[in-house]
Amino acid sequence: MIVLFIIINAVISAAAQVVLKIGVNRIGSVSVDRSLDFFVQAATSPYVLTGTGLYVLSLALWLVILTKASVSFAYPIMSLAYVFGLVFAMLFLGERVVPWQWAGVGCIILGTYLIAHSA
């Protein structure tokens, strides 16, 4: 059951990244001369605020997870956030994923499987 909570946390963490990326894409790039403007827009962006909220939710869930599992078990399984992040970026941001990235996904999934079944 704890593995399911860790996977859910990885999904939330990856979703936070994608939502933040959507938010900053809508604001535009930051530069030295407009950095204050950028951060004001980010602080009021519904996407950035939602992404931040997802991170807070992820933190809360992570604290619960840490009461039930060792860090040496739980934290490596959180590497699934990289997998979810890649898939979400492809689906929601239209990012291109190359074969080497998919090979990396395979390694992460295999490693996660081995760690999850070590307990």
PDB file of N, CA and C in Angstrom:
ATOM      1  N   MET A   1       0.820  -1.209   0.000  1.00  0.00           N
ATOM      2  CA  MET A   1       0.000   0.000   0.000  1.00  0.00           C
ATOM      3  C   MET A   1       0.858   1.264   0.000  1.00  0.00           C
ATOM      4  N   ILE A   2       1.995   1.213   0.722  1.00  0.00           N
ATOM      5  CA  ILE A   2       2.842   2.401   0.765  1.00  0.00           C
ATOM      6  C   ILE A   2       3.438   2.703  -0.605  1.00  0.00           C
ATOM      7  N   VAL A   3       3.700   1.671  -1.389  1.00  0.00           N
ATOM      8  CA  VAL A   3       4.226   1.894  -2.744  1.00  0.00           C
ATOM      9  C   VAL A   3       3.215   2.677  -3.572  1.00  0.00           C
ATOM     10  N   LEU A   4       1.932   2.388  -3.408  1.00  0.00           N
ATOM     11  CA  LEU A   4       0.898   3.128  -4.126  1.00  0.00           C
ATOM     12  C   LEU A   4       0.932   4.607  -3.750  1.00  0.00           C
ATOM     13  N   PHE A   5       1.094   4.912  -2.470  1.00  0.00           N
ATOM     14  CA  PHE A   5       1.174   6.307  -2.040  1.00  0.00           C
ATOM     15  C   PHE A   5       2.406   6.998  -2.628  1.00  0.00           C
ATOM     16  N   ILE A   6       3.511   6.277  -2.701  1.00  0.00           N
ATOM     17  CA  ILE A   6       4.727   6.848  -3.279  1.00  0.00           C
ATOM     18  C   ILE A   6       4.517   7.141  -4.765  1.00  0.00           C
ATOM     19  N   ILE A   7       3.866   6.229  -5.467  1.00  0.00           N
ATOM     20  CA  ILE A   7       3.592   6.433  -6.896  1.00  0.00           C
ATOM     21  C   ILE A   7       2.656   7.622  -7.096  1.00  0.00           C
ATOM     22  N   ILE A   8       1.631   7.724  -6.260  1.00  0.00           N
ATOM     23  CA  ILE A   8       0.717   8.871  -6.338  1.00  0.00           C
ATOM     24  C   ILE A   8       1.496  10.161  -6.099  1.00  0.00           C
ATOM     25  N   ASN A   9       2.409  10.140  -5.142  1.00  0.00           N
ATOM     26  CA  ASN A   9       3.216  11.318  -4.863  1.00  0.00           C
ATOM     27  C   ASN A   9       4.097  11.672  -6.064  1.00  0.00           C
ATOM     28  N   ALA A  10       4.637  10.667  -6.735  1.00  0.00           N
ATOM     29  CA  ALA A  10       5.452  10.914  -7.930  1.00  0.00           C
ATOM     30  C   ALA A  10       4.609  11.552  -9.037  1.00  0.00           C
ATOM     31  N   VAL A  11       3.377  11.094  -9.191  1.00  0.00           N
ATOM     32  CA  VAL A  11       2.470  11.674 -10.194  1.00  0.00           C
ATOM     33  C   VAL A  11       2.177  13.136  -9.862  1.00  0.00           C
ATOM     34  N   ILE A  12       1.890  13.409  -8.600  1.00  0.00           N
ATOM     35  CA  ILE A  12       1.594  14.786  -8.185  1.00  0.00           C
ATOM     36  C   ILE A  12       2.809  15.684  -8.419  1.00  0.00           C
ATOM     37  N   SER A  13       3.986  15.197  -8.072  1.00  0.00           N
ATOM     38  CA  SER A  13       5.206  15.976  -8.254  1.00  0.00           C
ATOM     39  C   SER A  13       5.468  16.278  -9.734  1.00  0.00           C
ATOM     40  N   ALA A  14       5.283  15.282 -10.584  1.00  0.00           N
ATOM     41  CA  ALA A  14       5.475  15.484 -12.031  1.00  0.00           C
ATOM     42  C   ALA A  14       4.424  16.433 -12.593  1.00  0.00           C
ATOM     43  N   ALA A  15       3.197  16.296 -12.131  1.00  0.00           N
ATOM     44  CA  ALA A  15       2.128  17.189 -12.584  1.00  0.00           C
ATOM     45  C   ALA A  15       2.445  18.629 -12.196  1.00  0.00           C
ATOM     46  N   ALA A  16       3.008  18.814 -11.010  1.00  0.00           N
ATOM     47  CA  ALA A  16       3.390  20.162 -10.567  1.00  0.00           C
ATOM     48  C   ALA A  16       4.383  20.777 -11.544  1.00  0.00           C
ATOM     49  N   GLN A  17       5.365  20.002 -11.982  1.00  0.00           N
ATOM     50  CA  GLN A  17       6.356  20.506 -12.931  1.00  0.00           C
ATOM     51  C   GLN A  17       5.710  20.966 -14.232  1.00  0.00           C
ATOM     52  N   VAL A  18       4.807  20.148 -14.750  1.00  0.00           N
ATOM     53  CA  VAL A  18       4.170  20.465 -16.030  1.00  0.00           C
ATOM     54  C   VAL A  18       3.279  21.695 -15.902  1.00  0.00           C
ATOM     55  N   VAL A  19       2.535  21.789 -14.829  1.00  0.00           N
ATOM     56  CA  VAL A  19       1.659  22.946 -14.630  1.00  0.00           C
ATOM     57  C   VAL A  19       2.492  24.221 -14.451  1.00  0.00           C
ATOM     58  N   LEU A  20       3.599  24.127 -13.719  1.00  0.00           N
ATOM     59  CA  LEU A  20       4.490  25.286 -13.596  1.00  0.00           C
ATOM     60  C   LEU A  20       5.053  25.695 -14.955  1.00  0.00           C
ATOM     61  N   LYS A  21       5.434  24.711 -15.765  1.00  0.00           N
ATOM     62  CA  LYS A  21       5.968  25.006 -17.097  1.00  0.00           C
ATOM     63  C   LYS A  21       4.924  25.709 -17.967  1.00  0.00           C
ATOM     64  N   ILE A  22       3.691  25.245 -17.914  1.00  0.00           N
ATOM     65  CA  ILE A  22       2.620  25.907 -18.663  1.00  0.00           C
ATOM     66  C   ILE A  22       2.494  27.359 -18.195  1.00  0.00           C
ATOM     67  N   GLY A  23       2.562  27.552 -16.879  1.00  0.00           N
ATOM     68  CA  GLY A  23       2.451  28.896 -16.326  1.00  0.00           C
ATOM     69  C   GLY A  23       3.545  29.829 -16.790  1.00  0.00           C
ATOM     70  N   VAL A  24       4.796  29.374 -16.727  1.00  0.00           N
ATOM     71  CA  VAL A  24       5.883  30.263 -17.144  1.00  0.00           C
ATOM     72  C   VAL A  24       5.915  30.445 -18.651  1.00  0.00           C
ATOM     73  N   ASN A  25       5.451  29.448 -19.408  1.00  0.00           N
ATOM     74  CA  ASN A  25       5.356  29.629 -20.863  1.00  0.00           C
ATOM     75  C   ASN A  25       4.375  30.747 -21.203  1.00  0.00           C
ATOM     76  N   ARG A  26       3.308  30.842 -20.439  1.00  0.00           N
ATOM     77  CA  ARG A  26       2.317  31.885 -20.698  1.00  0.00           C
ATOM     78  C   ARG A  26       2.832  33.264 -20.304  1.00  0.00           C
ATOM     79  N   ILE A  27       3.735  33.308 -19.343  1.00  0.00           N
ATOM     80  CA  ILE A  27       4.298  34.594 -18.912  1.00  0.00           C
ATOM     81  C   ILE A  27       5.374  35.056 -19.890  1.00  0.00           C
ATOM     82  N   GLY A  28       6.210  34.156 -20.331  1.00  0.00           N
ATOM     83  CA  GLY A  28       7.322  34.504 -21.214  1.00  0.00           C
ATOM     84  C   GLY A  28       8.636  34.378 -20.489  1.00  0.00           C
ATOM     85  N   SER A  29       9.706  34.593 -21.204  1.00  0.00           N
ATOM     86  CA  SER A  29      11.028  34.404 -20.614  1.00  0.00           C
ATOM     87  C   SER A  29      11.369  35.535 -19.646  1.00  0.00           C
ATOM     88  N   VAL A  30      12.234  35.203 -18.728  1.00  0.00           N
ATOM     89  CA  VAL A  30      12.674  36.182 -17.741  1.00  0.00           C
ATOM     90  C   VAL A  30      14.004  36.761 -18.190  1.00  0.00           C
ATOM     91  N   SER A  31      14.184  38.029 -17.936  1.00  0.00           N
ATOM     92  CA  SER A  31      15.459  38.689 -18.216  1.00  0.00           C
ATOM     93  C   SER A  31      15.773  39.596 -17.033  1.00  0.00           C
ATOM     94  N   VAL A  32      16.997  40.027 -16.966  1.00  0.00           N
ATOM     95  CA  VAL A  32      17.431  40.850 -15.843  1.00  0.00           C
ATOM     96  C   VAL A  32      16.589  42.110 -15.723  1.00  0.00           C
ATOM     97  N   ASP A  33      16.298  42.742 -16.850  1.00  0.00           N
ATOM     98  CA  ASP A  33      15.577  44.015 -16.798  1.00  0.00           C
ATOM     99  C   ASP A  33      14.085  43.852 -16.514  1.00  0.00           C
ATOM    100  N   ARG A  34      13.538  42.654 -16.651  1.00  0.00           N
ATOM    101  CA  ARG A  34      12.124  42.488 -16.317  1.00  0.00           C
ATOM    102  C   ARG A  34      11.882  41.352 -15.327  1.00  0.00           C
ATOM    103  N   SER A  35      12.882  41.077 -14.498  1.00  0.00           N
ATOM    104  CA  SER A  35      12.764  39.974 -13.546  1.00  0.00           C
ATOM    105  C   SER A  35      11.680  40.241 -12.500  1.00  0.00           C
ATOM    106  N   LEU A  36      11.570  41.473 -12.019  1.00  0.00           N
ATOM    107  CA  LEU A  36      10.526  41.777 -11.036  1.00  0.00           C
ATOM    108  C   LEU A  36       9.143  41.566 -11.647  1.00  0.00           C
ATOM    109  N   ASP A  37       8.953  42.056 -12.850  1.00  0.00           N
ATOM    110  CA  ASP A  37       7.687  41.871 -13.550  1.00  0.00           C
ATOM    111  C   ASP A  37       7.375  40.391 -13.738  1.00  0.00           C
ATOM    112  N   PHE A  38       8.390  39.613 -14.105  1.00  0.00           N
ATOM    113  CA  PHE A  38       8.202  38.175 -14.296  1.00  0.00           C
ATOM    114  C   PHE A  38       7.703  37.525 -13.005  1.00  0.00           C
ATOM    115  N   PHE A  39       8.361  37.822 -11.889  1.00  0.00           N
ATOM    116  CA  PHE A  39       7.993  37.187 -10.629  1.00  0.00           C
ATOM    117  C   PHE A  39       6.639  37.665 -10.104  1.00  0.00           C
ATOM    118  N   VAL A  40       6.283  38.893 -10.373  1.00  0.00           N
ATOM    119  CA  VAL A  40       4.939  39.368 -10.006  1.00  0.00           C
ATOM    120  C   VAL A  40       3.886  38.621 -10.810  1.00  0.00           C
ATOM    121  N   GLN A  41       4.129  38.478 -12.108  1.00  0.00           N
ATOM    122  CA  GLN A  41       3.189  37.720 -12.945  1.00  0.00           C
ATOM    123  C   GLN A  41       3.125  36.259 -12.501  1.00  0.00           C
ATOM    124  N   ALA A  42       4.272  35.683 -12.165  1.00  0.00           N
ATOM    125  CA  ALA A  42       4.293  34.291 -11.713  1.00  0.00           C
ATOM    126  C   ALA A  42       3.508  34.131 -10.411  1.00  0.00           C
ATOM    127  N   ALA A  43       3.655  35.099  -9.519  1.00  0.00           N
ATOM    128  CA  ALA A  43       2.975  35.018  -8.221  1.00  0.00           C
ATOM    129  C   ALA A  43       1.468  35.134  -8.350  1.00  0.00           C
ATOM    130  N   THR A  44       0.989  35.639  -9.467  1.00  0.00           N
ATOM    131  CA  THR A  44      -0.453  35.798  -9.657  1.00  0.00           C
ATOM    132  C   THR A  44      -1.003  34.885 -10.753  1.00  0.00           C
ATOM    133  N   SER A  45      -0.139  34.063 -11.331  1.00  0.00           N
ATOM    134  CA  SER A  45      -0.565  33.151 -12.393  1.00  0.00           C
ATOM    135  C   SER A  45      -1.333  31.968 -11.823  1.00  0.00           C
ATOM    136  N   PRO A  46      -2.537  31.686 -12.326  1.00  0.00           N
ATOM    137  CA  PRO A  46      -3.278  30.515 -11.844  1.00  0.00           C
ATOM    138  C   PRO A  46      -2.502  29.209 -12.038  1.00  0.00           C
ATOM    139  N   TYR A  47      -1.733  29.114 -13.119  1.00  0.00           N
ATOM    140  CA  TYR A  47      -0.958  27.894 -13.366  1.00  0.00           C
ATOM    141  C   TYR A  47       0.193  27.759 -12.371  1.00  0.00           C
ATOM    142  N   VAL A  48       0.903  28.843 -12.138  1.00  0.00           N
ATOM    143  CA  VAL A  48       2.012  28.800 -11.182  1.00  0.00           C
ATOM    144  C   VAL A  48       1.484  28.540  -9.780  1.00  0.00           C
ATOM    145  N   LEU A  49       0.382  29.160  -9.440  1.00  0.00           N
ATOM    146  CA  LEU A  49      -0.210  28.924  -8.119  1.00  0.00           C
ATOM    147  C   LEU A  49      -0.703  27.480  -7.977  1.00  0.00           C
ATOM    148  N   THR A  50      -1.284  26.935  -9.031  1.00  0.00           N
ATOM    149  CA  THR A  50      -1.730  25.545  -8.999  1.00  0.00           C
ATOM    150  C   THR A  50      -0.541  24.597  -8.877  1.00  0.00           C
ATOM    151  N   GLY A  51       0.512  24.860  -9.651  1.00  0.00           N
ATOM    152  CA  GLY A  51       1.724  24.046  -9.560  1.00  0.00           C
ATOM    153  C   GLY A  51       2.330  24.086  -8.171  1.00  0.00           C
ATOM    154  N   THR A  52       2.345  25.263  -7.578  1.00  0.00           N
ATOM    155  CA  THR A  52       2.858  25.411  -6.218  1.00  0.00           C
ATOM    156  C   THR A  52       1.981  24.645  -5.231  1.00  0.00           C
ATOM    157  N   GLY A  53       0.676  24.722  -5.421  1.00  0.00           N
ATOM    158  CA  GLY A  53      -0.245  23.965  -4.567  1.00  0.00           C
ATOM    159  C   GLY A  53      -0.025  22.463  -4.679  1.00  0.00           C
ATOM    160  N   LEU A  54       0.248  22.001  -5.896  1.00  0.00           N
ATOM    161  CA  LEU A  54       0.543  20.580  -6.081  1.00  0.00           C
ATOM    162  C   LEU A  54       1.823  20.189  -5.352  1.00  0.00           C
ATOM    163  N   TYR A  55       2.814  21.072  -5.365  1.00  0.00           N
ATOM    164  CA  TYR A  55       4.041  20.794  -4.607  1.00  0.00           C
ATOM    165  C   TYR A  55       3.777  20.711  -3.108  1.00  0.00           C
ATOM    166  N   VAL A  56       2.936  21.593  -2.594  1.00  0.00           N
ATOM    167  CA  VAL A  56       2.595  21.554  -1.174  1.00  0.00           C
ATOM    168  C   VAL A  56       1.873  20.249  -0.852  1.00  0.00           C
ATOM    169  N   LEU A  57       0.948  19.847  -1.720  1.00  0.00           N
ATOM    170  CA  LEU A  57       0.257  18.570  -1.543  1.00  0.00           C
ATOM    171  C   LEU A  57       1.252  17.413  -1.571  1.00  0.00           C
ATOM    172  N   SER A  58       2.196  17.462  -2.507  1.00  0.00           N
ATOM    173  CA  SER A  58       3.229  16.427  -2.601  1.00  0.00           C
ATOM    174  C   SER A  58       4.063  16.371  -1.325  1.00  0.00           C
ATOM    175  N   LEU A  59       4.417  17.518  -0.796  1.00  0.00           N
ATOM    176  CA  LEU A  59       5.180  17.563   0.447  1.00  0.00           C
ATOM    177  C   LEU A  59       4.392  16.938   1.596  1.00  0.00           C
ATOM    178  N   ALA A  60       3.124  17.288   1.696  1.00  0.00           N
ATOM    179  CA  ALA A  60       2.287  16.736   2.771  1.00  0.00           C
ATOM    180  C   ALA A  60       2.214  15.212   2.665  1.00  0.00           C
ATOM    181  N   LEU A  61       1.989  14.718   1.468  1.00  0.00           N
ATOM    182  CA  LEU A  61       1.927  13.270   1.273  1.00  0.00           C
ATOM    183  C   LEU A  61       3.285  12.631   1.562  1.00  0.00           C
ATOM    184  N   TRP A  62       4.367  13.295   1.174  1.00  0.00           N
ATOM    185  CA  TRP A  62       5.698  12.763   1.425  1.00  0.00           C
ATOM    186  C   TRP A  62       5.962  12.633   2.928  1.00  0.00           C
ATOM    187  N   LEU A  63       5.524  13.598   3.698  1.00  0.00           N
ATOM    188  CA  LEU A  63       5.697  13.518   5.148  1.00  0.00           C
ATOM    189  C   LEU A  63       4.966  12.310   5.722  1.00  0.00           C
ATOM    190  N   VAL A  64       3.772  12.039   5.216  1.00  0.00           N
ATOM    191  CA  VAL A  64       3.030  10.850   5.651  1.00  0.00           C
ATOM    192  C   VAL A  64       3.787   9.588   5.255  1.00  0.00           C
ATOM    193  N   ILE A  65       4.283   9.558   4.025  1.00  0.00           N
ATOM    194  CA  ILE A  65       5.040   8.398   3.532  1.00  0.00           C
ATOM    195  C   ILE A  65       6.244   8.131   4.429  1.00  0.00           C
ATOM    196  N   LEU A  66       6.948   9.192   4.824  1.00  0.00           N
ATOM    197  CA  LEU A  66       8.139   9.013   5.652  1.00  0.00           C
ATOM    198  C   LEU A  66       7.828   8.435   7.026  1.00  0.00           C
ATOM    199  N   THR A  67       6.599   8.572   7.480  1.00  0.00           N
ATOM    200  CA  THR A  67       6.242   7.943   8.759  1.00  0.00           C
ATOM    201  C   THR A  67       6.021   6.448   8.606  1.00  0.00           C
ATOM    202  N   LYS A  68       5.867   5.973   7.372  1.00  0.00           N
ATOM    203  CA  LYS A  68       5.559   4.568   7.119  1.00  0.00           C
ATOM    204  C   LYS A  68       6.691   3.790   6.454  1.00  0.00           C
ATOM    205  N   ALA A  69       7.654   4.482   5.834  1.00  0.00           N
ATOM    206  CA  ALA A  69       8.684   3.788   5.065  1.00  0.00           C
ATOM    207  C   ALA A  69      10.043   4.439   5.297  1.00  0.00           C
ATOM    208  N   SER A  70      11.078   3.658   5.094  1.00  0.00           N
ATOM    209  CA  SER A  70      12.435   4.202   5.203  1.00  0.00           C
ATOM    210  C   SER A  70      12.745   5.045   3.970  1.00  0.00           C
ATOM    211  N   VAL A  71      13.638   5.987   4.151  1.00  0.00           N
ATOM    212  CA  VAL A  71      14.048   6.840   3.039  1.00  0.00           C
ATOM    213  C   VAL A  71      14.746   6.000   1.968  1.00  0.00           C
ATOM    214  N   SER A  72      15.539   5.025   2.388  1.00  0.00           N
ATOM    215  CA  SER A  72      16.266   4.196   1.425  1.00  0.00           C
ATOM    216  C   SER A  72      15.338   3.355   0.560  1.00  0.00           C
ATOM    217  N   PHE A  73      14.114   3.158   1.010  1.00  0.00           N
ATOM    218  CA  PHE A  73      13.103   2.452   0.220  1.00  0.00           C
ATOM    219  C   PHE A  73      12.256   3.437  -0.584  1.00  0.00           C
ATOM    220  N   ALA A  74      11.739   4.460   0.083  1.00  0.00           N
ATOM    221  CA  ALA A  74      10.756   5.359  -0.537  1.00  0.00           C
ATOM    222  C   ALA A  74      11.363   6.308  -1.563  1.00  0.00           C
ATOM    223  N   TYR A  75      12.516   6.880  -1.243  1.00  0.00           N
ATOM    224  CA  TYR A  75      13.053   7.921  -2.126  1.00  0.00           C
ATOM    225  C   TYR A  75      13.438   7.396  -3.509  1.00  0.00           C
ATOM    226  N   PRO A  76      14.071   6.242  -3.615  1.00  0.00           N
ATOM    227  CA  PRO A  76      14.360   5.737  -4.966  1.00  0.00           C
ATOM    228  C   PRO A  76      13.097   5.483  -5.800  1.00  0.00           C
ATOM    229  N   ILE A  77      12.018   5.098  -5.168  1.00  0.00           N
ATOM    230  CA  ILE A  77      10.776   4.871  -5.907  1.00  0.00           C
ATOM    231  C   ILE A  77      10.228   6.201  -6.431  1.00  0.00           C
ATOM    232  N   MET A  78      10.544   7.284  -5.750  1.00  0.00           N
ATOM    233  CA  MET A  78      10.130   8.602  -6.240  1.00  0.00           C
ATOM    234  C   MET A  78      10.760   8.943  -7.586  1.00  0.00           C
ATOM    235  N   SER A  79      11.773   8.170  -8.001  1.00  0.00           N
ATOM    236  CA  SER A  79      12.360   8.406  -9.322  1.00  0.00           C
ATOM    237  C   SER A  79      11.338   8.194 -10.432  1.00  0.00           C
ATOM    238  N   LEU A  80      10.233   7.549 -10.110  1.00  0.00           N
ATOM    239  CA  LEU A  80       9.153   7.426 -11.089  1.00  0.00           C
ATOM    240  C   LEU A  80       8.610   8.791 -11.499  1.00  0.00           C
ATOM    241  N   ALA A  81       8.860   9.807 -10.690  1.00  0.00           N
ATOM    242  CA  ALA A  81       8.446  11.161 -11.067  1.00  0.00           C
ATOM    243  C   ALA A  81       9.109  11.573 -12.376  1.00  0.00           C
ATOM    244  N   TYR A  82      10.336  11.102 -12.618  1.00  0.00           N
ATOM    245  CA  TYR A  82      11.001  11.388 -13.897  1.00  0.00           C
ATOM    246  C   TYR A  82      10.243  10.760 -15.058  1.00  0.00           C
ATOM    247  N   VAL A  83       9.766   9.557 -14.845  1.00  0.00           N
ATOM    248  CA  VAL A  83       9.001   8.856 -15.886  1.00  0.00           C
ATOM    249  C   VAL A  83       7.700   9.604 -16.165  1.00  0.00           C
ATOM    250  N   PHE A  84       6.968   9.909 -15.104  1.00  0.00           N
ATOM    251  CA  PHE A  84       5.706  10.621 -15.274  1.00  0.00           C
ATOM    252  C   PHE A  84       5.934  12.006 -15.876  1.00  0.00           C
ATOM    253  N   GLY A  85       7.001  12.665 -15.450  1.00  0.00           N
ATOM    254  CA  GLY A  85       7.314  13.983 -15.997  1.00  0.00           C
ATOM    255  C   GLY A  85       7.564  13.928 -17.496  1.00  0.00           C
ATOM    256  N   LEU A  86       8.292  12.929 -17.936  1.00  0.00           N
ATOM    257  CA  LEU A  86       8.561  12.770 -19.361  1.00  0.00           C
ATOM    258  C   LEU A  86       7.274  12.513 -20.134  1.00  0.00           C
ATOM    259  N   VAL A  87       6.446  11.614 -19.626  1.00  0.00           N
ATOM    260  CA  VAL A  87       5.182  11.293 -20.304  1.00  0.00           C
ATOM    261  C   VAL A  87       4.250  12.504 -20.306  1.00  0.00           C
ATOM    262  N   PHE A  88       4.138  13.189 -19.185  1.00  0.00           N
ATOM    263  CA  PHE A  88       3.269  14.368 -19.115  1.00  0.00           C
ATOM    264  C   PHE A  88       3.766  15.472 -20.040  1.00  0.00           C
ATOM    265  N   ALA A  89       5.096  15.666 -20.108  1.00  0.00           N
ATOM    266  CA  ALA A  89       5.655  16.693 -20.996  1.00  0.00           C
ATOM    267  C   ALA A  89       5.331  16.373 -22.453  1.00  0.00           C
ATOM    268  N   MET A  90       5.394  15.100 -22.778  1.00  0.00           N
ATOM    269  CA  MET A  90       5.070  14.689 -24.136  1.00  0.00           C
ATOM    270  C   MET A  90       3.584  14.921 -24.428  1.00  0.00           C
ATOM    271  N   LEU A  91       2.724  14.533 -23.492  1.00  0.00           N
ATOM    272  CA  LEU A  91       1.280  14.620 -23.712  1.00  0.00           C
ATOM    273  C   LEU A  91       0.738  16.044 -23.621  1.00  0.00           C
ATOM    274  N   PHE A  92       1.186  16.800 -22.632  1.00  0.00           N
ATOM    275  CA  PHE A  92       0.574  18.094 -22.355  1.00  0.00           C
ATOM    276  C   PHE A  92       1.358  19.292 -22.878  1.00  0.00           C
ATOM    277  N   LEU A  93       2.658  19.090 -23.140  1.00  0.00           N
ATOM    278  CA  LEU A  93       3.475  20.197 -23.633  1.00  0.00           C
ATOM    279  C   LEU A  93       3.932  19.976 -25.074  1.00  0.00           C
ATOM    280  N   GLY A  94       3.633  18.792 -25.599  1.00  0.00           N
ATOM    281  CA  GLY A  94       4.032  18.491 -26.969  1.00  0.00           C
ATOM    282  C   GLY A  94       5.531  18.310 -27.139  1.00  0.00           C
ATOM    283  N   GLU A  95       6.233  17.996 -26.057  1.00  0.00           N
ATOM    284  CA  GLU A  95       7.673  17.815 -26.148  1.00  0.00           C
ATOM    285  C   GLU A  95       7.998  16.489 -26.834  1.00  0.00           C
ATOM    286  N   ARG A  96       9.070  16.495 -27.593  1.00  0.00           N
ATOM    287  CA  ARG A  96       9.510  15.312 -28.316  1.00  0.00           C
ATOM    288  C   ARG A  96      10.361  14.455 -27.383  1.00  0.00           C
ATOM    289  N   VAL A  97      10.118  13.161 -27.397  1.00  0.00           N
ATOM    290  CA  VAL A  97      10.885  12.222 -26.578  1.00  0.00           C
ATOM    291  C   VAL A  97      11.647  11.297 -27.523  1.00  0.00           C
ATOM    292  N   VAL A  98      12.959  11.229 -27.338  1.00  0.00           N
ATOM    293  CA  VAL A  98      13.810  10.440 -28.228  1.00  0.00           C
ATOM    294  C   VAL A  98      14.048   9.052 -27.638  1.00  0.00           C
ATOM    295  N   PRO A  99      14.476   8.105 -28.460  1.00  0.00           N
ATOM    296  CA  PRO A  99      14.672   6.725 -27.987  1.00  0.00           C
ATOM    297  C   PRO A  99      15.568   6.587 -26.756  1.00  0.00           C
ATOM    298  N   TRP A 100      16.625   7.390 -26.669  1.00  0.00           N
ATOM    299  CA  TRP A 100      17.490   7.291 -25.494  1.00  0.00           C
ATOM    300  C   TRP A 100      16.738   7.645 -24.209  1.00  0.00           C
ATOM    301  N   GLN A 101      15.822   8.574 -24.312  1.00  0.00           N
ATOM    302  CA  GLN A 101      15.017   8.918 -23.132  1.00  0.00           C
ATOM    303  C   GLN A 101      14.130   7.745 -22.740  1.00  0.00           C
ATOM    304  N   TRP A 102      13.563   7.071 -23.736  1.00  0.00           N
ATOM    305  CA  TRP A 102      12.741   5.891 -23.434  1.00  0.00           C
ATOM    306  C   TRP A 102      13.586   4.783 -22.818  1.00  0.00           C
ATOM    307  N   ALA A 103      14.834   4.647 -23.252  1.00  0.00           N
ATOM    308  CA  ALA A 103      15.738   3.663 -22.650  1.00  0.00           C
ATOM    309  C   ALA A 103      15.973   4.009 -21.179  1.00  0.00           C
ATOM    310  N   GLY A 104      16.137   5.293 -20.899  1.00  0.00           N
ATOM    311  CA  GLY A 104      16.285   5.734 -19.517  1.00  0.00           C
ATOM    312  C   GLY A 104      15.047   5.432 -18.684  1.00  0.00           C
ATOM    313  N   VAL A 105      13.885   5.620 -19.291  1.00  0.00           N
ATOM    314  CA  VAL A 105      12.623   5.286 -18.609  1.00  0.00           C
ATOM    315  C   VAL A 105      12.610   3.810 -18.244  1.00  0.00           C
ATOM    316  N   GLY A 106      13.044   2.978 -19.168  1.00  0.00           N
ATOM    317  CA  GLY A 106      13.096   1.542 -18.892  1.00  0.00           C
ATOM    318  C   GLY A 106      14.005   1.223 -17.719  1.00  0.00           C
ATOM    319  N   CYS A 107      15.150   1.876 -17.660  1.00  0.00           N
ATOM    320  CA  CYS A 107      16.080   1.660 -16.540  1.00  0.00           C
ATOM    321  C   CYS A 107      15.454   2.101 -15.218  1.00  0.00           C
ATOM    322  N   ILE A 108      14.793   3.238 -15.233  1.00  0.00           N
ATOM    323  CA  ILE A 108      14.149   3.733 -14.011  1.00  0.00           C
ATOM    324  C   ILE A 108      13.070   2.766 -13.547  1.00  0.00           C
ATOM    325  N   ILE A 109      12.253   2.290 -14.471  1.00  0.00           N
ATOM    326  CA  ILE A 109      11.178   1.369 -14.107  1.00  0.00           C
ATOM    327  C   ILE A 109      11.752   0.065 -13.558  1.00  0.00           C
ATOM    328  N   LEU A 110      12.788  -0.456 -14.200  1.00  0.00           N
ATOM    329  CA  LEU A 110      13.417  -1.681 -13.710  1.00  0.00           C
ATOM    330  C   LEU A 110      13.998  -1.477 -12.310  1.00  0.00           C
ATOM    331  N   GLY A 111      14.710  -0.384 -12.111  1.00  0.00           N
ATOM    332  CA  GLY A 111      15.269  -0.104 -10.794  1.00  0.00           C
ATOM    333  C   GLY A 111      14.204   0.068  -9.727  1.00  0.00           C
ATOM    334  N   THR A 112      13.129   0.736 -10.091  1.00  0.00           N
ATOM    335  CA  THR A 112      12.027   0.911  -9.149  1.00  0.00           C
ATOM    336  C   THR A 112      11.393  -0.422  -8.788  1.00  0.00           C
ATOM    337  N   TYR A 113      11.222  -1.263  -9.765  1.00  0.00           N
ATOM    338  CA  TYR A 113      10.669  -2.615  -9.525  1.00  0.00           C
ATOM    339  C   TYR A 113      11.556  -3.383  -8.548  1.00  0.00           C
ATOM    340  N   LEU A 114      12.861  -3.334  -8.776  1.00  0.00           N
ATOM    341  CA  LEU A 114      13.776  -4.072  -7.907  1.00  0.00           C
ATOM    342  C   LEU A 114      13.734  -3.541  -6.475  1.00  0.00           C
ATOM    343  N   ILE A 115      13.689  -2.231  -6.332  1.00  0.00           N
ATOM    344  CA  ILE A 115      13.636  -1.638  -4.984  1.00  0.00           C
ATOM    345  C   ILE A 115      12.309  -1.954  -4.312  1.00  0.00           C
ATOM    346  N   ALA A 116      11.221  -1.838  -5.041  1.00  0.00           N
ATOM    347  CA  ALA A 116       9.895  -2.087  -4.456  1.00  0.00           C
ATOM    348  C   ALA A 116       9.757  -3.536  -3.994  1.00  0.00           C
ATOM    349  N   HIS A 117      10.430  -4.434  -4.665  1.00  0.00           N
ATOM    350  CA  HIS A 117      10.311  -5.847  -4.289  1.00  0.00           C
ATOM    351  C   HIS A 117      11.423  -6.301  -3.345  1.00  0.00           C
ATOM    352  N   SER A 118      12.211  -5.353  -2.864  1.00  0.00           N
ATOM    353  CA  SER A 118      13.285  -5.699  -1.922  1.00  0.00           C
ATOM    354  C   SER A 118      12.801  -5.674  -0.486  1.00  0.00           C
ATOM    355  N   ALA A 119      11.663  -5.070  -0.268  1.00  0.00           N
ATOM    356  CA  ALA A 119      11.158  -4.936   1.106  1.00  0.00           C
ATOM    357  C   ALA A 119      10.349  -6.134   1.549  1.00  0.00           C
TER     358      ALA A 119
END
